[in-house]
N, C-alpha and C. Protein backbone atom coordinates (compact mmCIF):
# COMPACT_ATOMS: atom_id res chain seq x y z
N UNK A 1 127.50 86.86 84.16
CA UNK A 1 128.41 88.05 83.97
C UNK A 1 128.16 88.87 85.52
N UNK A 2 128.98 89.66 85.57
CA UNK A 2 128.66 90.10 87.01
C UNK A 2 128.12 91.93 87.03
N UNK A 3 126.98 91.96 87.91
CA UNK A 3 126.20 92.92 88.25
C UNK A 3 126.64 93.92 89.32
N UNK A 4 126.01 95.15 89.12
CA UNK A 4 126.16 95.63 90.79
C UNK A 4 124.82 96.54 90.56
N UNK A 5 124.40 96.43 92.24
CA UNK A 5 123.10 97.17 92.51
C UNK A 5 122.86 98.06 93.22
N UNK A 6 122.76 99.13 93.36
CA UNK A 6 122.76 100.09 94.54
C UNK A 6 120.88 100.08 94.99
N UNK A 7 120.62 99.95 96.35
CA UNK A 7 119.44 99.58 96.97
C UNK A 7 118.83 100.72 97.63
N UNK A 8 117.92 101.37 97.23
CA UNK A 8 117.28 102.96 98.71
C UNK A 8 116.25 102.08 98.44
N UNK A 9 115.65 101.84 100.31
CA UNK A 9 114.74 101.32 100.05
C UNK A 9 114.38 102.33 101.18
N UNK A 10 113.08 102.03 101.48
CA UNK A 10 111.88 103.41 102.21
C UNK A 10 110.78 102.43 102.63
N UNK A 11 110.21 101.55 104.09
CA UNK A 11 109.25 101.77 104.43
C UNK A 11 109.05 102.28 105.34
N UNK A 12 107.66 102.53 104.44
CA UNK A 12 106.82 104.32 104.94
C UNK A 12 105.89 103.62 105.86
N UNK A 13 106.75 103.45 107.15
CA UNK A 13 106.15 103.55 108.39
C UNK A 13 106.99 104.36 110.04
N UNK A 14 106.90 104.58 110.62
CA UNK A 14 107.05 105.47 111.50
C UNK A 14 109.15 104.75 112.08
N UNK A 15 108.24 103.78 112.19
CA UNK A 15 109.99 102.67 113.19
C UNK A 15 110.24 102.37 111.44
N UNK A 16 111.07 102.84 110.14
CA UNK A 16 111.72 102.30 109.40
C UNK A 16 112.91 101.75 109.64
N UNK A 17 113.35 102.14 110.49
CA UNK A 17 115.26 101.41 110.16
C UNK A 17 115.50 99.68 111.34
N UNK A 18 114.84 99.03 111.89
CA UNK A 18 114.56 97.82 112.14
C UNK A 18 114.05 97.50 110.52
N UNK A 19 113.01 97.07 109.79
CA UNK A 19 112.73 97.29 108.40
C UNK A 19 114.12 96.93 107.51
N UNK A 20 114.81 97.91 107.46
CA UNK A 20 116.08 98.26 106.36
C UNK A 20 117.11 97.04 107.06
N UNK A 21 117.46 97.18 108.24
CA UNK A 21 118.76 97.00 108.68
C UNK A 21 118.23 94.96 108.80
N UNK A 22 116.96 94.80 109.07
CA UNK A 22 117.11 93.45 108.61
C UNK A 22 117.27 93.14 106.86
N UNK A 23 116.48 94.06 105.86
CA UNK A 23 116.57 93.62 104.90
C UNK A 23 117.63 93.22 104.37
N UNK A 24 118.84 93.81 104.88
CA UNK A 24 120.60 94.05 104.87
C UNK A 24 121.36 92.63 105.51
N UNK A 25 120.64 92.81 106.67
CA UNK A 25 120.72 91.62 107.34
C UNK A 25 121.21 90.32 106.32
N UNK A 26 119.47 90.12 105.62
CA UNK A 26 118.81 89.25 105.08
C UNK A 26 119.85 88.82 103.38
N UNK A 27 119.96 90.05 103.15
CA UNK A 27 120.84 90.18 101.85
C UNK A 27 122.70 89.68 102.70
N UNK A 28 122.88 89.46 103.38
CA UNK A 28 124.66 88.89 103.94
C UNK A 28 124.41 87.94 104.18
N UNK A 29 123.34 86.86 104.38
CA UNK A 29 123.24 85.87 104.74
C UNK A 29 123.72 85.26 103.07
N UNK A 30 123.19 85.64 101.84
CA UNK A 30 123.34 85.03 100.84
C UNK A 30 125.38 84.96 100.43
N UNK A 31 125.90 83.76 100.23
CA UNK A 31 127.16 83.29 101.05
C UNK A 31 127.68 84.13 98.86
N UNK A 32 126.83 84.06 98.53
CA UNK A 32 127.33 83.87 96.37
C UNK A 32 127.63 85.80 96.07
N UNK A 33 127.12 86.42 96.81
CA UNK A 33 126.73 88.51 96.78
C UNK A 33 127.72 88.62 97.80
N UNK A 34 128.19 89.91 97.51
CA UNK A 34 128.97 90.76 98.57
C UNK A 34 127.82 92.27 98.52
N UNK A 35 127.69 91.87 99.79
CA UNK A 35 126.90 93.28 100.19
C UNK A 35 127.52 94.20 101.33
N UNK A 36 127.77 95.89 100.78
CA UNK A 36 127.92 96.53 101.53
C UNK A 36 126.96 98.13 101.91
N UNK A 37 127.17 98.26 102.93
CA UNK A 37 126.21 99.74 102.92
C UNK A 37 126.51 100.52 103.85
N UNK A 38 126.51 102.11 103.46
CA UNK A 38 126.40 103.37 103.59
C UNK A 38 125.11 104.29 104.43
N UNK A 39 125.42 105.48 104.63
CA UNK A 39 124.13 106.46 105.25
C UNK A 39 122.99 105.90 103.66
N UNK A 40 123.60 105.72 102.67
CA UNK A 40 122.19 106.37 101.87
C UNK A 40 121.89 105.29 101.17
N UNK A 41 123.09 104.24 101.07
CA UNK A 41 122.31 102.95 99.89
C UNK A 41 123.50 101.68 100.91
N UNK A 42 122.57 100.66 99.80
CA UNK A 42 123.10 99.94 100.20
C UNK A 42 123.38 98.96 98.31
N UNK A 43 125.09 98.52 98.59
CA UNK A 43 125.53 97.73 97.39
C UNK A 43 125.52 96.78 96.89
N UNK A 44 124.98 95.59 96.42
CA UNK A 44 124.54 94.56 95.90
C UNK A 44 125.94 94.31 94.90
N UNK A 45 126.57 93.08 95.30
CA UNK A 45 127.86 92.61 93.84
C UNK A 45 127.51 91.12 93.49
N UNK A 46 127.75 90.40 92.64
CA UNK A 46 127.69 89.28 92.42
C UNK A 46 127.38 89.10 90.86
N UNK A 47 127.08 87.71 90.84
CA UNK A 47 126.58 86.89 89.78
C UNK A 47 125.38 87.82 89.47
N UNK A 48 124.56 88.18 88.48
CA UNK A 48 123.79 88.49 87.87
C UNK A 48 122.88 88.26 88.38
N UNK A 49 121.92 86.27 87.42
CA UNK A 49 121.32 85.69 88.19
C UNK A 49 121.57 85.51 89.88
N UNK A 50 122.58 85.21 90.74
CA UNK A 50 122.67 85.24 92.13
C UNK A 50 122.05 86.77 92.08
N UNK A 51 122.42 88.00 92.14
CA UNK A 51 122.26 88.80 93.10
C UNK A 51 120.54 88.79 92.60
N UNK A 52 119.87 88.58 91.48
CA UNK A 52 118.51 89.53 91.57
C UNK A 52 117.56 88.32 91.92
N UNK A 53 118.53 86.76 91.93
CA UNK A 53 117.21 85.26 92.83
C UNK A 53 117.08 86.87 94.11
N UNK A 54 118.42 86.46 94.61
CA UNK A 54 118.72 87.47 96.15
C UNK A 54 117.64 88.53 96.51
N UNK A 55 117.96 89.54 95.91
CA UNK A 55 116.95 90.62 95.98
C UNK A 55 115.16 90.17 95.82
N UNK A 56 115.00 89.30 94.56
CA UNK A 56 113.97 88.91 94.76
C UNK A 56 113.16 88.70 95.77
N UNK A 57 113.69 87.32 96.02
CA UNK A 57 113.52 86.96 97.82
C UNK A 57 113.42 88.08 99.16
N UNK A 58 114.12 88.65 99.10
CA UNK A 58 114.17 89.44 99.67
C UNK A 58 113.85 91.31 100.37
N UNK A 59 113.30 91.82 98.62
CA UNK A 59 112.18 92.58 98.53
C UNK A 59 110.62 92.19 98.79
N UNK A 60 110.50 91.17 98.22
CA UNK A 60 109.71 90.11 98.47
C UNK A 60 108.55 90.47 99.90
N UNK A 61 110.42 89.42 100.75
CA UNK A 61 109.26 89.91 101.77
C UNK A 61 109.42 90.98 102.80
N UNK A 62 110.26 92.14 102.38
CA UNK A 62 110.29 93.08 103.04
C UNK A 62 108.44 93.65 102.45
N UNK A 63 108.20 93.92 101.12
CA UNK A 63 106.94 93.85 100.99
C UNK A 63 105.64 93.16 101.73
N UNK A 64 105.84 92.48 102.57
CA UNK A 64 104.93 92.13 103.56
C UNK A 64 104.47 93.22 104.77
N UNK A 65 105.64 94.85 104.76
CA UNK A 65 105.60 95.97 105.45
C UNK A 65 104.48 96.57 104.13
N UNK A 66 103.43 96.72 104.63
CA UNK A 66 102.84 97.80 103.31
C UNK A 66 103.18 99.29 103.20
N UNK A 67 102.98 99.37 101.85
CA UNK A 67 103.63 100.99 101.30
C UNK A 67 105.75 100.92 101.22
N UNK A 68 105.87 99.29 101.14
CA UNK A 68 107.88 99.59 100.92
C UNK A 68 107.92 100.26 99.56
N UNK A 69 108.70 101.02 98.91
CA UNK A 69 109.10 101.51 98.63
C UNK A 69 110.84 101.10 98.08
N UNK A 70 110.91 100.36 96.71
CA UNK A 70 112.44 100.49 96.82
C UNK A 70 112.72 100.95 94.81
N UNK A 71 114.05 101.53 95.73
CA UNK A 71 114.28 101.95 94.81
C UNK A 71 116.63 101.73 94.20
N UNK A 72 116.30 100.74 92.87
CA UNK A 72 117.48 100.12 92.17
C UNK A 72 117.95 101.12 91.36
N UNK A 73 119.02 100.51 91.58
CA UNK A 73 119.86 100.81 90.08
C UNK A 73 120.76 99.90 90.11
N UNK A 74 120.84 99.47 88.43
CA UNK A 74 121.42 97.84 88.39
C UNK A 74 122.63 98.62 86.80
N UNK A 75 123.56 98.19 87.28
CA UNK A 75 124.76 97.95 86.01
C UNK A 75 125.84 96.40 86.04
N UNK A 76 125.36 96.35 84.52
CA UNK A 76 126.29 94.67 84.55
C UNK A 76 127.14 94.74 84.17
N UNK A 77 127.89 95.16 85.10
CA UNK A 77 129.79 94.82 85.41
C UNK A 77 129.73 95.41 87.44
N UNK A 78 130.75 94.88 87.30
CA UNK A 78 131.10 94.94 89.01
C UNK A 78 131.82 96.46 89.39
N UNK A 79 131.39 97.02 89.31
CA UNK A 79 131.65 98.20 90.00
C UNK A 79 132.58 98.29 90.89
N UNK A 80 132.96 97.19 91.97
CA UNK A 80 134.06 96.82 92.93
C UNK A 80 135.36 97.49 91.69
N UNK A 81 135.35 97.13 91.04
CA UNK A 81 136.43 97.05 90.33
C UNK A 81 137.77 98.26 89.67
N UNK A 82 136.34 99.22 90.25
CA UNK A 82 136.77 101.06 89.65
C UNK A 82 136.79 101.95 91.09
N UNK A 83 138.11 102.75 90.98
CA UNK A 83 138.31 103.65 91.63
C UNK A 83 137.94 104.94 91.35
N UNK A 84 137.80 105.66 92.35
CA UNK A 84 136.93 107.13 92.32
C UNK A 84 138.13 108.11 90.82
N UNK A 85 138.82 107.91 90.05
CA UNK A 85 138.88 108.41 89.05
C UNK A 85 139.44 107.50 87.79
N UNK A 86 137.59 106.27 87.49
CA UNK A 86 137.17 105.26 87.15
C UNK A 86 138.42 104.48 86.48
N UNK A 87 139.34 103.72 87.19
CA UNK A 87 140.47 103.40 87.08
C UNK A 87 140.29 101.80 87.07
N UNK A 88 140.11 100.96 86.26
CA UNK A 88 140.39 99.71 86.89
C UNK A 88 141.36 99.47 88.04
N UNK A 89 140.80 98.68 89.53
CA UNK A 89 142.52 98.13 90.34
C UNK A 89 142.28 96.85 89.87
N UNK A 90 141.65 95.98 89.58
CA UNK A 90 142.13 94.30 89.16
C UNK A 90 142.29 94.43 87.87
């Protein structure tokens, strides 16, 4: 089963940007998942089990920073295959 996950990460510290970029860079090291970032959130696509394993590993590492908050939206579909008109592109 394919999945898409939208992630917002809020490390509650003054210098928060390096922690966010480090989290994204670590996710990009997993060749079996696809990672896209924008100014508001990060999107991860791939097989459900592979995406969730990568997220579990990297969120746990991020929790080394006290008071790190993650907000996740997970859907059981690869949303890269839809355009803005909700039409399949593949």
